[in-house]
């Protein structure tokens, strides 16, 4: 019989409809997407553990049910005490609400495949922060990579149904760039597209629009004060890298940011 912890109610609220695993003494933000692939919230300590998965509880769960047969993949950019998990943690962190580089994504899938193929008892537990967007993108990519799904949309729907108990259709991979990268994996596997081996440089963006039935073309790299005055609006290009603004077309390259 599971016991009720005073903080379980708060943790359930923070889970935002994600399915929780309640078994014996455990009440965790953990979901078995398949028998061998787990999605979970980030193992935490200190104040954060009051409303997220407590690291010790996650370790106790994995060591109870999958002792010597689990590998944890950390997709967040946060570290924690990996000794609690017997150092069975691999870091592949990338930004929240972002998609990984394709090369990194294939690297993660290869690690997953090697571990799961080594022994039939082996399982993979994957987390970012909430265990939803980044985690879902990687898990769905692997399900396609391993041939368990062919259609990317069906795969993402499956992840959402497995991970979430929300009835509004949410709770899965909701960031469009992450969904797009899952589609990329499907298209690459079907040989519909081929990865670009060399980096591609964005030189310009052309926006075509119509004002009073008179088409106007604005090329951002060639905008001058005169063309700005002629245009009916002033488009702005912003580039954010690792959650940091590095370029704004109004100001140019951002060399430093002062936080007040």
Protein backbone atom coordinates (compact mmCIF):
# COMPACT_ATOMS: atom_id res chain seq x y z
CA UNK A 1 0.00 0.00 0.00
CA UNK A 2 1.37 3.44 -0.92
CA UNK A 3 1.76 6.06 1.77
CA UNK A 4 0.69 9.67 1.31
CA UNK A 5 3.40 12.28 1.76
CA UNK A 6 2.30 15.83 2.70
CA UNK A 7 4.15 17.20 -0.36
CA UNK A 8 2.60 14.76 -2.86
CA UNK A 9 -0.31 17.14 -3.45
CA UNK A 10 2.08 19.97 -4.40
CA UNK A 11 4.13 17.67 -6.62
CA UNK A 12 0.97 16.54 -8.39
CA UNK A 13 0.05 20.16 -9.14
CA UNK A 14 3.54 20.88 -10.48
CA UNK A 15 3.25 17.79 -12.71
CA UNK A 16 0.61 19.66 -14.79
CA UNK A 17 -1.33 16.55 -15.72
CA UNK A 18 1.66 14.30 -16.34
CA UNK A 19 1.03 10.73 -15.25
CA UNK A 20 2.65 9.87 -11.94
CA UNK A 21 3.84 6.47 -10.83
CA UNK A 22 2.31 5.47 -7.51
CA UNK A 23 3.53 2.12 -6.28
CA UNK A 24 4.32 0.95 -2.76
CA UNK A 25 6.16 3.82 -1.02
CA UNK A 26 6.82 5.70 -4.28
CA UNK A 27 4.84 8.61 -5.75
CA UNK A 28 6.97 9.98 -8.57
CA UNK A 29 6.72 11.98 -11.78
CA UNK A 30 7.74 8.90 -13.75
CA UNK A 31 6.04 7.28 -16.74
CA UNK A 32 6.87 4.09 -18.58
CA UNK A 33 6.52 5.12 -22.23
CA UNK A 34 7.40 1.54 -23.14
CA UNK A 35 8.43 -1.37 -20.93
CA UNK A 36 12.06 -0.28 -21.27
CA UNK A 37 11.94 3.49 -21.74
CA UNK A 38 11.03 5.82 -18.90
CA UNK A 39 10.23 9.54 -19.07
CA UNK A 40 10.56 11.42 -15.81
CA UNK A 41 10.93 14.81 -14.19
CA UNK A 42 14.41 15.91 -13.18
CA UNK A 43 15.76 14.31 -9.98
CA UNK A 44 16.23 17.18 -7.53
CA UNK A 45 17.58 18.00 -4.12
CA UNK A 46 17.24 20.90 -1.72
CA UNK A 47 14.26 23.22 -2.05
CA UNK A 48 13.49 22.05 -5.59
CA UNK A 49 12.84 18.52 -4.30
CA UNK A 50 9.87 19.87 -2.36
CA UNK A 51 7.89 20.06 -5.60
CA UNK A 52 9.85 17.89 -8.05
CA UNK A 53 11.16 14.34 -7.98
CA UNK A 54 13.44 13.89 -5.01
CA UNK A 55 16.80 12.49 -6.15
CA UNK A 56 16.94 9.91 -3.37
CA UNK A 57 13.43 8.68 -4.17
CA UNK A 58 14.31 8.27 -7.86
CA UNK A 59 17.49 6.40 -6.92
CA UNK A 60 15.59 4.16 -4.51
CA UNK A 61 12.98 3.40 -7.17
CA UNK A 62 15.52 2.54 -9.89
CA UNK A 63 17.66 0.50 -7.52
CA UNK A 64 14.60 -1.36 -6.28
CA UNK A 65 13.06 -2.26 -9.64
CA UNK A 66 15.97 -2.04 -12.10
CA UNK A 67 19.11 -2.55 -10.03
CA UNK A 68 22.27 -2.77 -12.19
CA UNK A 69 20.17 -2.45 -15.33
CA UNK A 70 19.36 1.25 -15.67
CA UNK A 71 20.98 4.12 -17.50
CA UNK A 72 19.83 7.71 -16.96
CA UNK A 73 20.09 10.32 -19.72
CA UNK A 74 20.12 13.92 -18.51
CA UNK A 75 18.87 16.30 -21.21
CA UNK A 76 18.74 19.29 -18.89
CA UNK A 77 21.70 21.60 -18.48
CA UNK A 78 21.69 21.03 -14.72
CA UNK A 79 23.90 18.61 -12.84
CA UNK A 80 23.18 16.82 -9.58
CA UNK A 81 24.84 14.19 -7.41
CA UNK A 82 25.22 11.32 -9.86
CA UNK A 83 26.68 9.09 -7.14
CA UNK A 84 23.11 8.57 -5.88
CA UNK A 85 22.48 6.79 -9.19
CA UNK A 86 25.77 4.88 -9.08
CA UNK A 87 27.18 7.25 -11.74
CA UNK A 88 24.83 5.68 -14.30
CA UNK A 89 24.05 9.07 -15.85
CA UNK A 90 25.04 10.42 -19.24
CA UNK A 91 24.79 14.14 -20.01
CA UNK A 92 23.34 15.36 -23.31
CA UNK A 93 22.01 18.71 -22.17
CA UNK A 94 20.49 21.32 -24.48
CA UNK A 95 18.34 24.39 -23.89
CA UNK A 96 14.80 24.27 -22.56
CA UNK A 97 12.18 24.70 -25.31
CA UNK A 98 14.90 23.98 -27.89
CA UNK A 99 15.68 21.07 -30.19
CA UNK A 100 19.09 19.36 -30.15
CA UNK A 101 21.55 19.37 -33.03
CA UNK A 102 20.82 16.45 -35.34
CA UNK A 103 24.32 15.07 -34.75
CA UNK A 104 23.73 15.12 -30.99
CA UNK A 105 20.32 13.52 -31.41
CA UNK A 106 21.78 10.63 -33.39
CA UNK A 107 24.48 10.28 -30.74
CA UNK A 108 21.86 9.98 -27.99
CA UNK A 109 19.90 7.41 -29.97
CA UNK A 110 23.03 5.34 -30.50
CA UNK A 111 23.77 5.37 -26.77
CA UNK A 112 20.19 4.27 -26.07
CA UNK A 113 20.34 1.55 -28.69
CA UNK A 114 23.65 0.15 -27.44
CA UNK A 115 22.44 0.01 -23.84
CA UNK A 116 19.08 -1.57 -24.62
CA UNK A 117 20.71 -4.13 -26.93
CA UNK A 118 23.30 -5.15 -24.33
CA UNK A 119 20.87 -7.01 -22.04
CA UNK A 120 17.15 -7.57 -22.28
CA UNK A 121 16.68 -6.37 -18.68
CA UNK A 122 18.28 -2.99 -19.37
CA UNK A 123 16.10 0.13 -19.28
CA UNK A 124 16.65 3.80 -20.10
CA UNK A 125 15.32 6.66 -17.94
CA UNK A 126 15.31 10.05 -19.66
CA UNK A 127 14.65 13.45 -18.17
CA UNK A 128 14.98 17.14 -18.96
CA UNK A 129 13.30 19.37 -16.39
CA UNK A 130 9.64 18.38 -16.66
CA UNK A 131 10.28 15.24 -18.69
CA UNK A 132 8.02 16.36 -21.51
CA UNK A 133 9.32 18.44 -24.44
CA UNK A 134 13.02 17.63 -24.75
CA UNK A 135 12.46 14.19 -23.27
CA UNK A 136 9.58 13.49 -25.64
CA UNK A 137 11.55 14.62 -28.68
CA UNK A 138 14.39 12.23 -27.87
CA UNK A 139 12.14 9.30 -26.98
CA UNK A 140 9.99 9.71 -30.09
CA UNK A 141 13.09 10.01 -32.25
CA UNK A 142 14.38 6.75 -30.79
CA UNK A 143 11.05 4.97 -31.28
CA UNK A 144 11.27 5.93 -34.95
CA UNK A 145 14.98 5.07 -35.14
CA UNK A 146 14.40 1.62 -33.64
CA UNK A 147 11.49 0.86 -35.98
CA UNK A 148 8.79 0.84 -33.32
CA UNK A 149 6.96 3.60 -35.21
CA UNK A 150 7.05 4.75 -38.81
CA UNK A 151 4.83 7.83 -38.73
CA UNK A 152 6.18 10.73 -36.65
CA UNK A 153 2.77 12.19 -35.80
CA UNK A 154 1.48 8.84 -34.55
CA UNK A 155 4.63 8.46 -32.50
CA UNK A 156 4.23 11.88 -30.87
CA UNK A 157 0.55 11.15 -30.17
CA UNK A 158 1.58 7.89 -28.52
CA UNK A 159 4.07 9.70 -26.29
CA UNK A 160 1.44 12.29 -25.31
CA UNK A 161 -1.11 9.61 -24.41
CA UNK A 162 1.44 7.63 -22.41
CA UNK A 163 2.92 10.63 -20.58
CA UNK A 164 -0.13 12.81 -19.94
CA UNK A 165 -3.61 12.38 -18.54
CA UNK A 166 -4.80 15.74 -19.85
CA UNK A 167 -7.97 15.60 -21.95
CA UNK A 168 -7.31 18.81 -23.90
CA UNK A 169 -4.72 17.23 -26.19
CA UNK A 170 -1.79 18.86 -24.40
CA UNK A 171 0.94 17.42 -22.27
CA UNK A 172 3.12 16.04 -25.04
CA UNK A 173 5.72 17.67 -27.27
CA UNK A 174 4.28 21.15 -27.71
CA UNK A 175 7.26 23.21 -28.93
CA UNK A 176 7.10 23.28 -32.72
CA UNK A 177 10.88 23.13 -33.26
CA UNK A 178 11.04 19.94 -31.18
CA UNK A 179 8.17 18.40 -33.15
CA UNK A 180 9.90 19.41 -36.38
CA UNK A 181 13.08 17.58 -35.39
CA UNK A 182 11.10 14.42 -34.72
CA UNK A 183 9.72 14.78 -38.24
CA UNK A 184 13.27 15.26 -39.54
CA UNK A 185 14.27 11.92 -38.02
CA UNK A 186 11.33 10.21 -39.71
CA UNK A 187 12.15 11.82 -43.06
CA UNK A 188 15.84 10.96 -42.77
CA UNK A 189 15.05 7.33 -41.98
CA UNK A 190 12.71 7.20 -44.98
CA UNK A 191 15.45 8.85 -47.09
CA UNK A 192 13.10 11.69 -47.94
CA UNK A 193 15.68 14.24 -46.81
CA UNK A 194 19.42 14.07 -46.17
CA UNK A 195 21.23 15.84 -43.33
CA UNK A 196 23.40 18.80 -44.30
CA UNK A 197 26.97 17.86 -43.39
CA UNK A 198 28.32 21.40 -43.52
CA UNK A 199 26.98 24.33 -41.46
CA UNK A 200 24.63 26.60 -43.38
CA UNK A 201 25.01 30.36 -42.99
CA UNK A 202 21.90 32.54 -43.07
CA UNK A 203 22.82 35.57 -45.18
CA UNK A 204 19.49 37.30 -45.57
CA UNK A 205 15.77 37.01 -45.02
CA UNK A 206 13.32 38.29 -47.63
CA UNK A 207 9.82 39.23 -46.53
CA UNK A 208 7.20 39.84 -49.21
CA UNK A 209 3.91 41.43 -48.20
CA UNK A 210 1.09 43.45 -49.65
CA UNK A 211 -0.17 46.84 -48.50
CA UNK A 212 -3.14 48.33 -50.36
CA UNK A 213 -2.63 45.75 -53.11
CA UNK A 214 0.85 47.14 -53.78
CA UNK A 215 3.52 44.48 -53.13
CA UNK A 216 6.63 45.57 -51.29
CA UNK A 217 9.82 43.60 -50.82
CA UNK A 218 12.14 44.23 -47.89
CA UNK A 219 15.59 42.66 -47.62
CA UNK A 220 16.71 42.85 -44.01
CA UNK A 221 20.43 43.03 -44.73
CA UNK A 222 19.91 46.02 -47.05
CA UNK A 223 17.58 48.07 -44.82
CA UNK A 224 18.53 51.73 -44.64
CA UNK A 225 16.86 54.70 -43.03
CA UNK A 226 15.33 55.60 -46.38
CA UNK A 227 13.92 52.13 -47.04
CA UNK A 228 12.62 51.96 -43.48
CA UNK A 229 10.61 55.11 -44.05
CA UNK A 230 9.24 53.74 -47.32
CA UNK A 231 8.15 50.44 -45.80
CA UNK A 232 4.84 50.17 -44.04
CA UNK A 233 6.43 48.35 -41.10
CA UNK A 234 9.90 47.66 -39.74
CA UNK A 235 10.71 43.95 -39.50
CA UNK A 236 13.12 42.92 -36.77
CA UNK A 237 15.33 39.84 -36.78
CA UNK A 238 16.38 38.46 -33.38
CA UNK A 239 18.69 35.49 -32.86
CA UNK A 240 18.73 33.70 -29.51
CA UNK A 241 21.45 31.17 -28.74
CA UNK A 242 21.26 29.03 -25.60
CA UNK A 243 18.56 31.29 -24.16
CA UNK A 244 20.75 34.37 -24.70
CA UNK A 245 20.04 37.18 -27.16
CA UNK A 246 23.07 37.38 -29.46
CA UNK A 247 21.71 39.45 -32.32
CA UNK A 248 19.00 42.05 -32.88
CA UNK A 249 18.77 43.74 -36.27
CA UNK A 250 17.95 47.04 -34.58
CA UNK A 251 21.25 47.07 -32.71
CA UNK A 252 23.57 44.52 -34.31
CA UNK A 253 25.58 41.88 -32.49
CA UNK A 254 25.08 41.95 -28.74
CA UNK A 255 28.54 41.83 -27.17
CA UNK A 256 27.40 42.10 -23.59
CA UNK A 257 24.17 42.26 -21.66
CA UNK A 258 23.72 44.17 -18.43
CA UNK A 259 21.17 42.68 -16.05
CA UNK A 260 19.52 45.11 -13.63
